[in-house]
Amino acid sequence: MAVYTQLGAEALGELIAEFDVGELRMAKGIAEGVSNSNWLIETSGKDGAGSRFILTMYEYRIEVEDLPFFLSLLDHLAAKGCAVPRTIHDRAGALYRMIGDKAVALIEFLPGVSVSVPTAAQARAVGGALAQLHLASADFDGARANGMDLAEWQRLAAECGPEGLRSINPQLADLVAHELPLLADQWPQNLPRGVIHADLFTDNVLMLGSSVTGLIDFYFACTDLIAYDVAVTHAAWCFDNEGRNFSSELSAALLAGYEAVRPLSEAERAALPVLARGAALRFTLSRAYDWLNTPADALVVRKDPLAFARRLSFYADPANAGLFENP
């Protein structure tokens, strides 16, 4: 989440009036994330709809034609009992509205906080919530290709260029040059597919104690290998923020929580080492691109690509080859 576009009080008030949620009382920009502009909205409330919402303006990496998939998915999962925010439809029933050439959507606000240093119990709960999401989305009739797949990693690497990568770290270009062709050669093809979150970082999970109260920010959700989503979540949750220290306790808890709800097949578990390397490379490259291209005046905190380059090196280390084997 971030704020790239500024909206004045009058424009925000007129926009919120298009939804049956009461009058605008407060709007506060949220300076986190990298892809959209976001505001915390408070209204006078109406008809039990609550009075706090998240307003999102879609800036880049998200196509307007994909919004029905994202926003309908939230409604589907919420109806299935998953801890996800509902989309607030406008007075005409639309999932989103346009301001100029940019789409905006209003999303239910859920209680809870994001944890920065998760416990094993919290990791286990997140694993279970992710598995529940995968099962609940099995009958969702929408589909979307992964816009951050291997082809996109290759494009991002080319856009950054060796010199750009070296400007971030002298070894980064060589690491990317080694991993990209290896993953292209070894990427699994015949694993179960379904709707995945694809971005389940700690800041995209709301918790109260050891309970998950919300899975949020579904704007990279897509149809892809289900086990890849496990790998992304593993990379996001099982290291410290800088990617220097791996927690075997968090890893075991996350996987156990997932498999208590949806057991992994033997083929999925065997593929996790390669999938985890891919997950780490994906975020290394997207962060590197953002590091080199984020506008100077954007109210956004750039995220360190080396935090995932270190994860990538960890997963690629032969000494860690047995990480995902059954205990």
Protein backbone atom coordinates (compact mmCIF):
# COMPACT_ATOMS: atom_id res chain seq x y z
CA MET A 1 0.00 0.00 0.00
CA ALA A 2 1.10 3.58 -0.65
CA VAL A 3 -0.08 6.99 -1.84
CA TYR A 4 0.99 7.94 -5.36
CA THR A 5 -2.04 10.11 -6.20
CA GLN A 6 -3.35 12.87 -3.97
CA LEU A 7 -7.11 13.32 -3.58
CA GLY A 8 -8.52 16.38 -1.86
CA ALA A 9 -11.21 16.34 0.82
CA GLU A 10 -13.91 17.45 -1.63
CA ALA A 11 -13.08 14.73 -4.17
CA LEU A 12 -12.94 12.07 -1.46
CA GLY A 13 -16.26 13.22 -0.02
CA GLU A 14 -17.96 13.07 -3.41
CA LEU A 15 -16.54 9.62 -4.03
CA ILE A 16 -17.64 8.17 -0.68
CA ALA A 17 -21.12 9.59 -1.27
CA GLU A 18 -21.46 7.11 -4.15
CA PHE A 19 -21.48 4.28 -1.56
CA ASP A 20 -24.20 3.67 1.00
CA VAL A 21 -21.84 3.95 3.97
CA GLY A 22 -22.66 7.36 5.43
CA GLU A 23 -20.78 10.64 5.18
CA LEU A 24 -17.00 10.92 5.07
CA ARG A 25 -15.54 11.81 8.46
CA MET A 26 -11.81 11.12 7.97
CA ALA A 27 -9.36 9.97 5.30
CA LYS A 28 -5.73 9.13 6.01
CA GLY A 29 -3.14 8.05 3.48
CA ILE A 30 -1.37 4.75 4.11
CA ALA A 31 2.35 4.85 3.31
CA GLU A 32 3.11 1.14 2.91
CA GLY A 33 3.54 -1.18 -0.05
CA VAL A 34 4.45 -0.36 -3.62
CA SER A 35 1.62 -0.74 -6.14
CA ASN A 36 -1.49 1.28 -5.23
CA SER A 37 -2.62 4.43 -3.45
CA ASN A 38 -4.54 3.65 -0.27
CA TRP A 39 -6.48 5.56 2.37
CA LEU A 40 -8.05 4.57 5.66
CA ILE A 41 -11.59 5.94 5.50
CA GLU A 42 -13.95 6.67 8.39
CA THR A 43 -17.61 7.52 7.77
CA SER A 44 -20.70 8.18 9.82
CA GLY A 45 -21.78 4.58 9.09
CA LYS A 46 -25.11 3.32 7.83
CA ASP A 47 -27.27 0.19 7.92
CA GLY A 48 -24.78 -1.86 9.90
CA ALA A 49 -22.14 -1.56 7.20
CA GLY A 50 -19.55 -0.30 9.68
CA SER A 51 -17.74 2.99 9.51
CA ARG A 52 -14.14 2.11 8.60
CA PHE A 53 -12.98 1.09 5.14
CA ILE A 54 -9.92 0.92 2.93
CA LEU A 55 -10.09 2.95 -0.26
CA THR A 56 -7.71 1.80 -2.99
CA MET A 57 -6.74 3.55 -6.19
CA TYR A 58 -5.05 1.20 -8.64
CA GLU A 59 -1.84 2.74 -9.97
CA TYR A 60 0.28 0.15 -11.80
CA ARG A 61 0.92 -3.59 -12.15
CA ILE A 62 -2.87 -3.89 -12.01
CA GLU A 63 -5.11 -3.76 -15.07
CA VAL A 64 -8.66 -2.45 -14.70
CA GLU A 65 -9.99 -5.48 -16.53
CA ASP A 66 -8.61 -7.67 -13.73
CA LEU A 67 -10.57 -5.91 -10.99
CA PRO A 68 -13.74 -8.02 -11.33
CA PHE A 69 -11.56 -11.08 -10.62
CA PHE A 70 -9.89 -9.57 -7.55
CA LEU A 71 -12.98 -8.00 -6.04
CA SER A 72 -15.38 -10.86 -6.78
CA LEU A 73 -12.83 -13.25 -5.28
CA LEU A 74 -13.01 -11.34 -1.99
CA ASP A 75 -16.79 -11.67 -1.96
CA HIS A 76 -16.56 -15.39 -2.78
CA LEU A 77 -14.03 -16.14 -0.06
CA ALA A 78 -15.86 -14.06 2.53
CA ALA A 79 -19.07 -15.97 1.78
CA LYS A 80 -17.13 -19.22 2.34
CA GLY A 81 -16.08 -18.10 5.80
CA CYS A 82 -12.52 -17.07 5.03
CA ALA A 83 -11.10 -14.14 6.96
CA VAL A 84 -11.01 -11.70 4.05
CA PRO A 85 -12.59 -8.25 3.58
CA ARG A 86 -15.72 -7.90 1.51
CA THR A 87 -15.87 -5.50 -1.42
CA ILE A 88 -18.26 -2.62 -0.74
CA HIS A 89 -20.37 -2.22 -3.87
CA ASP A 90 -21.51 1.28 -4.83
CA ARG A 91 -25.15 2.35 -4.90
CA ALA A 92 -25.54 0.94 -8.43
CA GLY A 93 -23.98 -2.39 -7.42
CA ALA A 94 -20.64 -1.79 -9.15
CA LEU A 95 -17.48 -3.32 -7.70
CA TYR A 96 -15.37 -0.23 -8.45
CA ARG A 97 -15.59 3.28 -9.80
CA MET A 98 -13.38 5.39 -12.07
CA ILE A 99 -11.72 8.70 -11.22
CA GLY A 100 -10.34 9.93 -14.50
CA ASP A 101 -8.41 7.01 -15.94
CA LYS A 102 -7.86 5.29 -12.57
CA ALA A 103 -10.11 2.77 -10.86
CA VAL A 104 -10.95 2.94 -7.16
CA ALA A 105 -12.59 0.40 -4.87
CA LEU A 106 -13.87 0.50 -1.29
CA ILE A 107 -13.03 -2.53 0.84
CA GLU A 108 -14.29 -3.62 4.25
CA PHE A 109 -11.93 -2.78 7.13
CA LEU A 110 -11.07 -5.76 9.34
CA PRO A 111 -9.74 -5.67 12.91
CA GLY A 112 -6.29 -6.91 13.80
CA VAL A 113 -2.65 -5.96 13.44
CA SER A 114 0.18 -7.17 11.26
CA VAL A 115 2.96 -8.87 13.17
CA SER A 116 6.59 -8.04 12.48
CA VAL A 117 8.13 -10.90 14.47
CA PRO A 118 5.73 -13.86 14.21
CA THR A 119 5.55 -16.69 16.70
CA ALA A 120 5.29 -20.35 15.76
CA ALA A 121 1.61 -20.32 16.77
CA GLN A 122 0.97 -17.38 14.46
CA ALA A 123 2.84 -19.05 11.59
CA ARG A 124 0.78 -22.20 12.10
CA ALA A 125 -2.45 -20.17 12.00
CA VAL A 126 -1.37 -18.45 8.79
CA GLY A 127 -0.57 -21.80 7.19
CA GLY A 128 -4.06 -23.01 8.05
CA ALA A 129 -5.68 -19.83 6.74
CA LEU A 130 -3.78 -20.14 3.46
CA ALA A 131 -4.91 -23.73 3.03
CA GLN A 132 -8.51 -22.73 3.79
CA LEU A 133 -8.24 -20.07 1.09
CA HIS A 134 -7.04 -22.65 -1.43
CA LEU A 135 -9.90 -25.00 -0.64
CA ALA A 136 -12.53 -22.25 -0.59
CA SER A 137 -11.47 -20.87 -3.97
CA ALA A 138 -11.73 -24.26 -5.69
CA ASP A 139 -15.24 -23.48 -6.99
CA PHE A 140 -14.60 -19.82 -7.78
CA ASP A 141 -15.47 -19.37 -11.44
CA GLY A 142 -12.97 -16.62 -12.15
CA ALA A 143 -9.49 -17.16 -13.55
CA ARG A 144 -6.49 -14.92 -14.07
CA ALA A 145 -3.01 -15.62 -15.41
CA ASN A 146 -0.11 -14.84 -13.10
CA GLY A 147 1.22 -11.45 -14.20
CA MET A 148 4.37 -12.01 -12.13
CA ASP A 149 5.40 -15.33 -13.65
CA LEU A 150 8.76 -16.47 -15.02
CA ALA A 151 8.34 -14.41 -18.20
CA GLU A 152 7.82 -11.30 -16.08
CA TRP A 153 10.90 -12.10 -13.97
CA GLN A 154 12.88 -12.24 -17.19
CA ARG A 155 11.43 -8.90 -18.32
CA LEU A 156 12.17 -7.24 -14.98
CA ALA A 157 15.74 -8.54 -15.06
CA ALA A 158 16.19 -7.07 -18.53
CA GLU A 159 14.61 -3.75 -17.48
CA CYS A 160 16.93 -3.47 -14.48
CA GLY A 161 19.93 -4.56 -16.53
CA PRO A 162 23.20 -5.89 -15.12
CA GLU A 163 24.47 -2.41 -14.30
CA GLY A 164 21.28 -1.48 -12.50
CA LEU A 165 21.42 -4.66 -10.44
CA ARG A 166 25.10 -4.09 -9.66
CA SER A 167 24.26 -0.56 -8.49
CA ILE A 168 22.13 -2.18 -5.79
CA ASN A 169 24.77 -4.81 -4.92
CA PRO A 170 27.88 -5.92 -6.83
CA GLN A 171 26.85 -9.61 -6.69
CA LEU A 172 23.18 -9.22 -7.52
CA ALA A 173 23.50 -9.35 -11.31
CA ASP A 174 25.46 -12.62 -11.16
CA LEU A 175 22.92 -14.19 -8.80
CA VAL A 176 20.03 -13.30 -11.10
CA ALA A 177 21.95 -14.46 -14.20
CA HIS A 178 22.55 -17.83 -12.53
CA GLU A 179 19.03 -18.41 -11.18
CA LEU A 180 16.83 -17.30 -14.09
CA PRO A 181 17.87 -20.00 -16.60
CA LEU A 182 18.00 -22.66 -13.90
CA LEU A 183 14.42 -21.94 -12.83
CA ALA A 184 13.25 -21.77 -16.43
CA ASP A 185 14.64 -25.26 -16.92
CA GLN A 186 13.41 -26.79 -13.67
CA TRP A 187 10.06 -25.05 -13.10
CA PRO A 188 7.36 -27.71 -12.42
CA GLN A 189 4.40 -27.93 -14.78
CA ASN A 190 2.13 -30.75 -13.61
CA LEU A 191 1.16 -29.76 -10.08
CA PRO A 192 -2.34 -28.88 -8.81
CA ARG A 193 -3.44 -25.42 -9.87
CA GLY A 194 -5.97 -23.05 -8.38
CA VAL A 195 -6.51 -19.50 -7.20
CA ILE A 196 -3.59 -18.31 -5.07
CA HIS A 197 -2.90 -15.15 -3.09
CA ALA A 198 0.71 -14.90 -4.34
CA ASP A 199 1.72 -12.12 -1.93
CA LEU A 200 0.94 -13.30 1.62
CA PHE A 201 3.53 -11.29 3.53
CA THR A 202 3.20 -10.53 7.21
CA ASP A 203 1.80 -7.08 6.37
CA ASN A 204 -0.97 -8.74 4.36
CA VAL A 205 -2.21 -10.73 7.35
CA LEU A 206 -4.12 -9.23 10.27
CA MET A 207 -3.99 -11.07 13.58
CA LEU A 208 -5.30 -10.83 17.11
CA GLY A 209 -3.04 -12.94 19.27
CA SER A 210 -2.56 -16.21 17.42
CA SER A 211 -5.77 -15.92 15.41
CA VAL A 212 -5.95 -14.71 11.83
CA THR A 213 -8.57 -11.98 11.49
CA GLY A 214 -7.84 -10.93 7.93
CA LEU A 215 -6.00 -11.88 4.76
CA ILE A 216 -5.75 -8.70 2.70
CA ASP A 217 -4.25 -7.17 -0.46
CA PHE A 218 -5.28 -9.73 -3.07
CA TYR A 219 -4.06 -7.69 -6.04
CA PHE A 220 -1.52 -10.26 -7.17
CA ALA A 221 -4.02 -13.14 -6.81
CA CYS A 222 -4.09 -15.39 -9.84
CA THR A 223 -4.51 -18.92 -11.07
CA ASP A 224 -1.24 -20.80 -10.69
CA LEU A 225 0.47 -23.66 -8.89
CA ILE A 226 -1.03 -23.95 -5.40
CA ALA A 227 2.28 -25.07 -3.95
CA TYR A 228 3.90 -21.90 -5.29
CA ASP A 229 1.67 -19.94 -2.92
CA VAL A 230 3.00 -22.07 -0.06
CA ALA A 231 6.54 -21.25 -1.20
CA VAL A 232 5.83 -17.51 -1.37
CA THR A 233 4.34 -17.55 2.12
CA HIS A 234 7.25 -19.62 3.43
CA ALA A 235 9.76 -17.11 2.07
CA ALA A 236 7.76 -14.22 3.52
CA TRP A 237 7.24 -15.65 7.03
CA CYS A 238 10.23 -17.84 7.90
CA PHE A 239 13.06 -15.28 7.80
CA ASP A 240 13.79 -12.05 9.61
CA ASN A 241 13.01 -8.88 7.68
CA GLU A 242 16.49 -8.61 6.20
CA GLY A 243 16.52 -12.25 5.09
CA ARG A 244 19.64 -13.00 7.11
CA ASN A 245 18.21 -15.48 9.62
CA PHE A 246 15.98 -18.46 8.84
CA SER A 247 13.69 -19.93 11.51
CA SER A 248 13.24 -23.69 11.29
CA GLU A 249 10.58 -23.38 14.01
CA LEU A 250 8.46 -21.00 11.94
CA SER A 251 8.98 -23.16 8.86
CA ALA A 252 7.79 -26.32 10.59
CA ALA A 253 4.81 -24.53 12.13
CA LEU A 254 3.72 -22.90 8.87
CA LEU A 255 3.86 -26.15 6.92
CA ALA A 256 2.17 -28.12 9.69
CA GLY A 257 -0.65 -25.58 9.88
CA TYR A 258 -1.13 -25.75 6.14
CA GLU A 259 -1.14 -29.54 5.97
CA ALA A 260 -3.58 -29.84 8.87
CA VAL A 261 -6.13 -28.33 6.46
CA ARG A 262 -4.82 -29.30 3.01
CA PRO A 263 -2.07 -31.95 2.87
CA LEU A 264 0.56 -31.42 0.20
CA SER A 265 1.01 -34.17 -2.36
CA GLU A 266 4.38 -35.86 -2.63
CA ALA A 267 4.99 -34.07 -5.92
CA GLU A 268 4.14 -30.69 -4.40
CA ARG A 269 6.47 -31.20 -1.47
CA ALA A 270 9.26 -32.38 -3.77
CA ALA A 271 8.84 -29.22 -5.87
CA LEU A 272 8.98 -26.78 -2.94
CA PRO A 273 12.77 -26.19 -3.09
CA VAL A 274 12.53 -24.96 -6.70
CA LEU A 275 9.29 -23.06 -6.03
CA ALA A 276 10.88 -21.31 -3.05
CA ARG A 277 13.83 -20.22 -5.18
CA GLY A 278 11.37 -18.86 -7.70
CA ALA A 279 9.42 -17.02 -5.02
CA ALA A 280 12.61 -15.44 -3.68
CA LEU A 281 13.75 -14.43 -7.17
CA ARG A 282 10.34 -12.96 -8.01
CA PHE A 283 10.51 -10.55 -5.06
CA THR A 284 14.19 -9.84 -5.57
CA LEU A 285 13.44 -8.64 -9.09
CA SER A 286 10.22 -6.73 -8.42
CA ARG A 287 11.88 -4.95 -5.50
CA ALA A 288 14.99 -4.23 -7.57
CA TYR A 289 12.85 -2.70 -10.31
CA ASP A 290 10.96 -0.59 -7.75
CA TRP A 291 14.23 0.40 -6.08
CA LEU A 292 15.49 1.79 -9.37
CA ASN A 293 12.21 3.31 -10.60
CA THR A 294 10.05 4.51 -7.68
CA PRO A 295 9.13 8.21 -8.18
CA ALA A 296 11.04 10.50 -5.84
CA ASP A 297 7.85 12.26 -4.69
CA ALA A 298 5.84 9.09 -3.90
CA LEU A 299 4.77 8.62 -0.31
CA VAL A 300 6.11 5.07 -0.24
CA VAL A 301 8.85 3.14 1.49
CA ARG A 302 11.07 1.28 -0.98
CA LYS A 303 11.68 -2.33 0.01
CA ASP A 304 15.19 -3.78 -0.01
CA PRO A 305 15.68 -6.33 -2.82
CA LEU A 306 18.66 -7.83 -0.99
CA ALA A 307 16.34 -9.14 1.73
CA PHE A 308 15.03 -11.60 -0.86
CA ALA A 309 18.33 -12.12 -2.63
CA ARG A 310 19.58 -13.51 0.71
CA ARG A 311 16.57 -15.81 0.88
CA LEU A 312 17.31 -16.94 -2.65
CA SER A 313 20.89 -17.79 -1.73
CA PHE A 314 19.61 -19.72 1.29
CA TYR A 315 17.17 -21.80 -0.74
CA ALA A 316 19.80 -22.43 -3.43
CA ASP A 317 22.42 -23.62 -0.93
CA PRO A 318 22.82 -27.43 -1.26
CA ALA A 319 23.19 -27.59 2.54
CA ASN A 320 19.48 -26.67 2.78
CA ALA A 321 18.28 -29.15 0.17
CA GLY A 322 16.32 -31.20 2.72
CA LEU A 323 14.44 -28.23 4.15
CA PHE A 324 11.02 -29.26 2.83
CA GLU A 325 11.29 -33.02 3.33
CA ASN A 326 8.72 -34.67 5.56
CA PRO A 327 9.94 -34.61 9.19
